[in-house]
């Protein structure tokens, strides 16, 4: 394959007793035996729903007041951000109109 790609391979040097490295015994390779995974049992819808309810009871839910305050804060920040970007967009639009009026 190296010949097909135009890559030169290094010349082989003859191996003599004086240049030969001592032979190391290769350790036998042990084959890993991986057990096949056990087939998963299907869960019935009733069992699934019971597990969902059990997990739902473990959740620490936030109080309604905290949820309401957080939602209002998010809405306020969205409105402030929308106003900010509207002002920036309007300013850039005005500047581009003035620049184009000077150029034309």
Protein backbone atom coordinates (compact mmCIF):
# COMPACT_ATOMS: atom_id res chain seq x y z
CA UNK A 1 0.00 0.00 0.00
CA UNK A 2 2.91 2.34 0.69
CA UNK A 3 4.09 1.87 -2.88
CA UNK A 4 0.69 2.91 -4.19
CA UNK A 5 0.78 6.19 -2.26
CA UNK A 6 4.27 7.20 -3.33
CA UNK A 7 5.73 6.81 0.17
CA UNK A 8 9.20 5.41 0.28
CA UNK A 9 9.80 2.66 2.78
CA UNK A 10 13.12 2.55 4.64
CA UNK A 11 15.65 0.07 3.35
CA UNK A 12 15.77 -3.19 5.29
CA UNK A 13 19.00 -3.90 7.07
CA UNK A 14 20.13 -7.48 7.41
CA UNK A 15 19.78 -8.89 10.91
CA UNK A 16 22.83 -10.61 12.31
CA UNK A 17 23.49 -12.26 15.63
CA UNK A 18 25.36 -9.22 16.94
CA UNK A 19 22.54 -6.73 16.16
CA UNK A 20 19.68 -8.96 17.18
CA UNK A 21 17.97 -8.01 20.45
CA UNK A 22 17.42 -10.75 23.00
CA UNK A 23 14.10 -12.40 22.43
CA UNK A 24 11.50 -11.61 25.05
CA UNK A 25 8.89 -14.17 25.82
CA UNK A 26 5.44 -12.88 25.04
CA UNK A 27 2.94 -13.20 27.84
CA UNK A 28 -0.07 -15.27 26.94
CA UNK A 29 -3.07 -13.12 26.14
CA UNK A 30 -6.06 -14.01 28.27
CA UNK A 31 -9.39 -13.68 26.53
CA UNK A 32 -11.86 -11.53 28.41
CA UNK A 33 -15.15 -13.20 28.90
CA UNK A 34 -17.94 -10.66 29.11
CA UNK A 35 -21.24 -12.07 30.26
CA UNK A 36 -24.20 -11.23 28.07
CA UNK A 37 -26.50 -8.64 29.64
CA UNK A 38 -29.65 -10.06 31.13
CA UNK A 39 -32.76 -9.25 29.15
CA UNK A 40 -34.67 -6.37 30.71
CA UNK A 41 -38.13 -7.05 32.03
CA UNK A 42 -40.86 -4.94 30.56
CA UNK A 43 -42.63 -2.64 33.01
CA UNK A 44 -46.39 -2.47 32.92
CA UNK A 45 -48.05 0.95 32.71
CA UNK A 46 -49.46 0.50 36.23
CA UNK A 47 -46.02 -0.31 37.65
CA UNK A 48 -44.52 2.66 35.81
CA UNK A 49 -47.19 5.00 37.21
CA UNK A 50 -46.59 3.73 40.77
CA UNK A 51 -42.84 4.35 40.38
CA UNK A 52 -43.53 7.86 39.06
CA UNK A 53 -45.70 8.61 42.09
CA UNK A 54 -43.05 7.31 44.49
CA UNK A 55 -40.37 9.47 42.86
CA UNK A 56 -42.75 12.46 42.81
CA UNK A 57 -43.16 12.23 46.59
CA UNK A 58 -39.38 12.44 47.01
CA UNK A 59 -39.20 15.80 45.20
CA UNK A 60 -38.98 18.96 47.28
CA UNK A 61 -41.43 21.29 45.59
CA UNK A 62 -41.06 25.06 45.87
CA UNK A 63 -43.88 26.96 47.57
CA UNK A 64 -46.50 28.63 45.37
CA UNK A 65 -45.47 32.13 46.51
CA UNK A 66 -41.84 31.58 45.47
CA UNK A 67 -42.92 30.20 42.09
CA UNK A 68 -45.20 33.21 41.51
CA UNK A 69 -42.52 35.76 42.49
CA UNK A 70 -39.93 34.07 40.28
CA UNK A 71 -42.33 34.00 37.32
CA UNK A 72 -43.11 37.70 37.73
CA UNK A 73 -39.39 38.54 37.93
CA UNK A 74 -38.73 36.61 34.71
CA UNK A 75 -41.57 38.45 32.96
CA UNK A 76 -40.20 41.83 34.13
CA UNK A 77 -36.70 40.97 32.90
CA UNK A 78 -38.09 39.90 29.51
CA UNK A 79 -39.91 43.24 29.15
CA UNK A 80 -36.80 45.22 30.18
CA UNK A 81 -34.63 43.24 27.75
CA UNK A 82 -37.15 43.75 24.92
CA UNK A 83 -37.20 47.52 25.56
CA UNK A 84 -33.40 47.66 25.67
CA UNK A 85 -32.96 45.83 22.37
CA UNK A 86 -35.71 47.93 20.75
CA UNK A 87 -33.87 51.12 21.75
CA UNK A 88 -30.53 49.76 20.49
CA UNK A 89 -32.12 48.59 17.22
CA UNK A 90 -33.85 51.94 16.71
CA UNK A 91 -30.61 53.82 17.42
CA UNK A 92 -28.61 51.73 14.98
CA UNK A 93 -31.37 52.10 12.38
CA UNK A 94 -31.33 55.89 12.81
CA UNK A 95 -27.52 56.03 12.53
CA UNK A 96 -27.54 53.86 9.38
CA UNK A 97 -30.22 56.08 7.80
CA UNK A 98 -28.14 59.17 8.52
CA UNK A 99 -25.00 57.51 7.16
CA UNK A 100 -26.75 56.41 3.98
CA UNK A 101 -28.27 59.89 3.54
CA UNK A 102 -24.75 61.38 3.68
CA UNK A 103 -23.42 58.81 1.21
CA UNK A 104 -26.28 59.23 -1.29
